[in-house]
Amino acid sequence: MKAKDFKNVPKAATQDFIEIEEVFEDIVMFKDYSCVNIIEVGAINYWFLSQEEQESVIYSFAEFLNSLSFPIQILILSKKMDISSYLEYLDSKIFEQKNPRFKELLKKYKNFIKNIVVQNTVLERRYFIVVPFSPLELGIQAAKGKLNKQYVLNRAKTSLYPKRDHILRLLAKIGLKGSVLGKQEIVELFHNLYNPSATGVKLAPIESYTDVIQTT
């Protein structure tokens, strides 16, 4: 194909490649009118538990999965942790510290943190449970026909909310805290999924962090 032929190729907008139709409060609706609720789940320090406690966690999680009568998706996001703000916080504490001994200890601690980042990949992990709703739940004929967005949303809420609340109760029973993502949190999550940054989920510049690491 010659360069001039590209003029006739239709241009696609960025939105054409994004499957999301709209975000309503805590529900994501996709272009095929399927919907999801997203629950972020807190982590536990599994390796700090005794063997008996670890086995209890495993059995409890297995019981959690076996008790579900509907499908879920488990999503784990891992990114290199951006500790630039933490290093800057340590710098401020070092500057404010009047005691020479404590100042020196803080400097050593900061160098220790930098060495960990240089020698190891420090990851930030986030855990999510995604509860799906399919237009097929409205019936085959409805799924094939032209669906009304508000109607689908109302039916999705009726289907998703009891499942969401059931999962939150089960998580609480095994000592895990779950929180339902609202509209702003959902937008930020998908923004970071579609615009992955090299380190961490925050979009703040990390020049200071880079400079510090390069000087070690």
Protein backbone atom coordinates (compact mmCIF):
# COMPACT_ATOMS: atom_id res chain seq x y z
CA MET A 1 0.00 0.00 0.00
CA LYS A 2 1.36 3.40 -1.01
CA ALA A 3 1.45 6.37 1.35
CA LYS A 4 -1.30 8.17 -0.54
CA ASP A 5 -3.59 5.17 -0.08
CA PHE A 6 -3.62 5.72 3.68
CA LYS A 7 -5.66 8.88 3.11
CA ASN A 8 -8.65 6.67 2.26
CA VAL A 9 -8.34 4.52 5.38
CA PRO A 10 -11.07 5.49 7.87
CA LYS A 11 -9.71 6.87 11.12
CA ALA A 12 -10.82 5.26 14.37
CA ALA A 13 -11.32 7.21 17.56
CA THR A 14 -9.68 6.05 20.77
CA GLN A 15 -13.13 5.36 22.20
CA ASP A 16 -13.66 2.71 19.52
CA PHE A 17 -11.02 0.55 21.18
CA ILE A 18 -12.43 0.92 24.70
CA GLU A 19 -15.13 -1.58 25.56
CA ILE A 20 -16.76 0.54 28.26
CA GLU A 21 -20.12 2.09 27.40
CA GLU A 22 -20.62 4.05 30.62
CA VAL A 23 -20.02 3.99 34.38
CA PHE A 24 -23.13 4.38 36.54
CA GLU A 25 -22.24 4.97 40.20
CA ASP A 26 -20.70 1.59 41.11
CA ILE A 27 -21.62 -0.33 37.95
CA VAL A 28 -19.57 -0.57 34.76
CA MET A 29 -21.61 -1.13 31.59
CA PHE A 30 -19.81 -2.41 28.51
CA LYS A 31 -20.77 -1.90 24.88
CA ASP A 32 -22.44 -5.31 24.67
CA TYR A 33 -24.56 -4.19 27.68
CA SER A 34 -22.92 -6.62 30.06
CA CYS A 35 -22.25 -5.06 33.47
CA VAL A 36 -19.97 -5.62 36.45
CA ASN A 37 -19.54 -4.62 40.06
CA ILE A 38 -15.92 -4.37 41.23
CA ILE A 39 -14.89 -5.12 44.81
CA GLU A 40 -11.37 -4.32 45.99
CA VAL A 41 -10.13 -6.76 48.62
CA GLY A 42 -7.51 -5.96 51.23
CA ALA A 43 -4.50 -8.24 51.62
CA ILE A 44 -3.23 -10.15 54.65
CA ASN A 45 0.37 -10.91 55.64
CA TYR A 46 0.06 -14.61 54.87
CA TRP A 47 3.74 -15.44 55.42
CA PHE A 48 3.67 -13.84 58.86
CA LEU A 49 1.00 -16.29 60.01
CA SER A 50 1.67 -19.55 61.78
CA GLN A 51 1.23 -22.78 59.83
CA GLU A 52 -2.07 -23.41 61.57
CA GLU A 53 -3.30 -19.91 60.69
CA GLN A 54 -2.15 -20.32 57.06
CA GLU A 55 -4.08 -23.57 56.74
CA SER A 56 -7.13 -21.89 58.25
CA VAL A 57 -6.91 -19.10 55.65
CA ILE A 58 -6.65 -21.64 52.80
CA TYR A 59 -9.63 -23.66 54.04
CA SER A 60 -11.68 -20.51 54.59
CA PHE A 61 -10.94 -19.27 51.07
CA ALA A 62 -11.83 -22.68 49.61
CA GLU A 63 -15.10 -22.59 51.54
CA PHE A 64 -15.71 -19.08 50.21
CA LEU A 65 -15.29 -20.24 46.60
CA ASN A 66 -17.39 -23.38 47.09
CA SER A 67 -20.25 -21.38 48.61
CA LEU A 68 -20.70 -19.24 45.49
CA SER A 69 -23.62 -20.07 43.24
CA PHE A 70 -22.64 -17.54 40.56
CA PRO A 71 -19.46 -16.79 38.58
CA ILE A 72 -16.87 -14.25 39.65
CA GLN A 73 -13.56 -13.04 38.25
CA ILE A 74 -10.47 -12.52 40.40
CA LEU A 75 -8.18 -9.75 39.18
CA ILE A 76 -4.68 -9.09 40.56
CA LEU A 77 -2.77 -5.99 39.45
CA SER A 78 0.98 -5.88 40.06
CA LYS A 79 3.13 -2.84 39.39
CA LYS A 80 6.52 -1.63 40.48
CA MET A 81 6.03 0.51 43.54
CA ASP A 82 6.73 4.21 43.27
CA ILE A 83 8.34 5.24 46.58
CA SER A 84 9.36 8.73 45.48
CA SER A 85 6.90 10.41 47.87
CA TYR A 86 8.15 8.27 50.74
CA LEU A 87 11.77 9.19 50.02
CA GLU A 88 10.80 12.84 49.91
CA TYR A 89 9.01 12.41 53.23
CA LEU A 90 12.21 10.95 54.73
CA ASP A 91 14.21 13.86 53.33
CA SER A 92 11.88 16.30 55.10
CA LYS A 93 12.25 14.40 58.37
CA ILE A 94 16.03 14.34 58.03
CA PHE A 95 16.05 18.09 57.41
CA GLU A 96 13.79 18.75 60.43
CA GLN A 97 15.71 16.47 62.79
CA LYS A 98 17.90 18.40 65.24
CA ASN A 99 19.42 15.42 67.02
CA PRO A 100 22.60 14.41 65.08
CA ARG A 101 22.27 10.78 66.13
CA PHE A 102 18.65 10.48 64.96
CA LYS A 103 19.52 12.38 61.77
CA GLU A 104 22.24 9.83 60.98
CA LEU A 105 19.89 6.92 61.71
CA LEU A 106 17.30 8.39 59.34
CA LYS A 107 19.92 8.74 56.60
CA LYS A 108 20.94 5.11 57.04
CA TYR A 109 17.31 4.03 56.92
CA LYS A 110 16.74 6.00 53.72
CA ASN A 111 19.82 4.38 52.12
CA PHE A 112 18.51 0.99 53.23
CA ILE A 113 15.18 1.62 51.49
CA LYS A 114 16.94 2.80 48.29
CA ASN A 115 19.14 -0.32 48.24
CA ILE A 116 16.09 -2.56 48.55
CA VAL A 117 14.51 -0.87 45.51
CA VAL A 118 17.76 -1.08 43.49
CA GLN A 119 18.45 -4.74 44.30
CA ASN A 120 14.88 -6.05 44.29
CA THR A 121 11.67 -5.42 42.43
CA VAL A 122 9.28 -3.95 44.98
CA LEU A 123 5.75 -4.58 43.78
CA GLU A 124 2.48 -2.93 44.62
CA ARG A 125 -0.37 -5.42 44.37
CA ARG A 126 -4.09 -4.76 44.31
CA TYR A 127 -6.75 -7.46 44.47
CA PHE A 128 -10.24 -7.28 43.00
CA ILE A 129 -13.31 -9.49 42.73
CA VAL A 130 -15.40 -8.73 39.65
CA VAL A 131 -19.07 -9.73 39.73
CA PRO A 132 -20.49 -9.99 36.19
CA PHE A 133 -23.97 -9.54 34.76
CA SER A 134 -24.81 -10.75 31.24
CA PRO A 135 -27.67 -9.55 29.01
CA LEU A 136 -28.45 -13.25 28.55
CA GLU A 137 -29.90 -13.14 32.04
CA LEU A 138 -32.70 -11.05 30.52
CA GLY A 139 -33.53 -13.90 28.14
CA ILE A 140 -32.29 -14.87 24.69
CA GLN A 141 -34.82 -12.74 22.82
CA ALA A 142 -34.04 -9.65 24.89
CA ALA A 143 -30.32 -10.15 24.37
CA LYS A 144 -30.81 -10.39 20.60
CA GLY A 145 -33.09 -7.37 20.41
CA LYS A 146 -32.40 -3.69 20.90
CA LEU A 147 -31.95 -3.19 24.62
CA ASN A 148 -32.80 -0.06 26.55
CA LYS A 149 -29.79 1.12 28.56
CA GLN A 150 -31.76 2.19 31.63
CA TYR A 151 -33.75 -1.05 31.64
CA VAL A 152 -30.57 -3.11 31.51
CA LEU A 153 -29.02 -1.02 34.28
CA ASN A 154 -32.03 -1.56 36.56
CA ARG A 155 -31.98 -5.29 35.95
CA ALA A 156 -28.22 -5.38 36.45
CA LYS A 157 -28.61 -3.71 39.85
CA THR A 158 -31.26 -6.23 40.84
CA SER A 159 -28.92 -9.06 39.90
CA LEU A 160 -25.57 -7.66 41.06
CA TYR A 161 -26.33 -6.03 44.40
CA PRO A 162 -27.42 -9.20 46.26
CA LYS A 163 -24.33 -11.02 44.90
CA ARG A 164 -22.09 -8.12 45.86
CA ASP A 165 -23.47 -8.01 49.42
CA HIS A 166 -23.14 -11.80 49.73
CA ILE A 167 -19.47 -11.62 48.76
CA LEU A 168 -18.81 -8.81 51.25
CA ARG A 169 -20.33 -10.90 54.03
CA LEU A 170 -18.26 -13.95 53.08
CA LEU A 171 -15.07 -11.88 52.93
CA ALA A 172 -15.74 -10.46 56.39
CA LYS A 173 -16.17 -14.00 57.76
CA ILE A 174 -12.65 -14.95 56.65
CA GLY A 175 -11.09 -11.73 57.92
CA LEU A 176 -10.81 -9.86 54.60
CA LYS A 177 -12.08 -6.35 54.06
CA GLY A 178 -13.88 -5.68 50.79
CA SER A 179 -14.90 -2.29 49.46
CA VAL A 180 -17.07 -1.62 46.41
CA LEU A 181 -15.48 0.76 43.92
CA GLY A 182 -17.47 3.91 43.20
CA LYS A 183 -17.51 5.83 39.93
CA GLN A 184 -14.36 7.88 40.59
CA GLU A 185 -12.39 4.81 41.73
CA ILE A 186 -13.58 2.83 38.70
CA VAL A 187 -12.54 5.62 36.32
CA GLU A 188 -9.10 5.80 37.94
CA LEU A 189 -8.71 2.01 37.79
CA PHE A 190 -9.51 1.80 34.09
CA HIS A 191 -7.44 4.90 33.35
CA ASN A 192 -4.42 3.12 34.81
CA LEU A 193 -5.28 -0.10 32.95
CA TYR A 194 -5.43 1.70 29.61
CA ASN A 195 -2.53 4.03 30.44
CA PRO A 196 -0.05 1.89 32.36
CA SER A 197 2.76 3.80 34.04
CA ALA A 198 6.23 2.37 34.59
CA THR A 199 6.00 2.56 38.36
CA GLY A 200 2.94 2.45 40.54
CA VAL A 201 -0.56 3.65 39.86
CA LYS A 202 -0.09 7.30 40.68
CA LEU A 203 0.62 9.71 37.86
CA ALA A 204 2.87 12.09 39.80
CA PRO A 205 6.32 12.77 38.27
CA ILE A 206 9.16 10.67 39.71
CA GLU A 207 12.22 12.67 38.67
CA SER A 208 13.38 13.00 42.28
CA TYR A 209 13.12 9.26 42.77
CA THR A 210 15.10 8.58 39.58
CA ASP A 211 17.80 11.05 40.59
CA VAL A 212 18.15 9.47 44.00
CA ILE A 213 18.47 5.95 42.61
CA GLN A 214 21.03 6.94 40.01
CA THR A 215 23.33 8.44 42.62
CA THR A 216 23.68 5.23 44.59
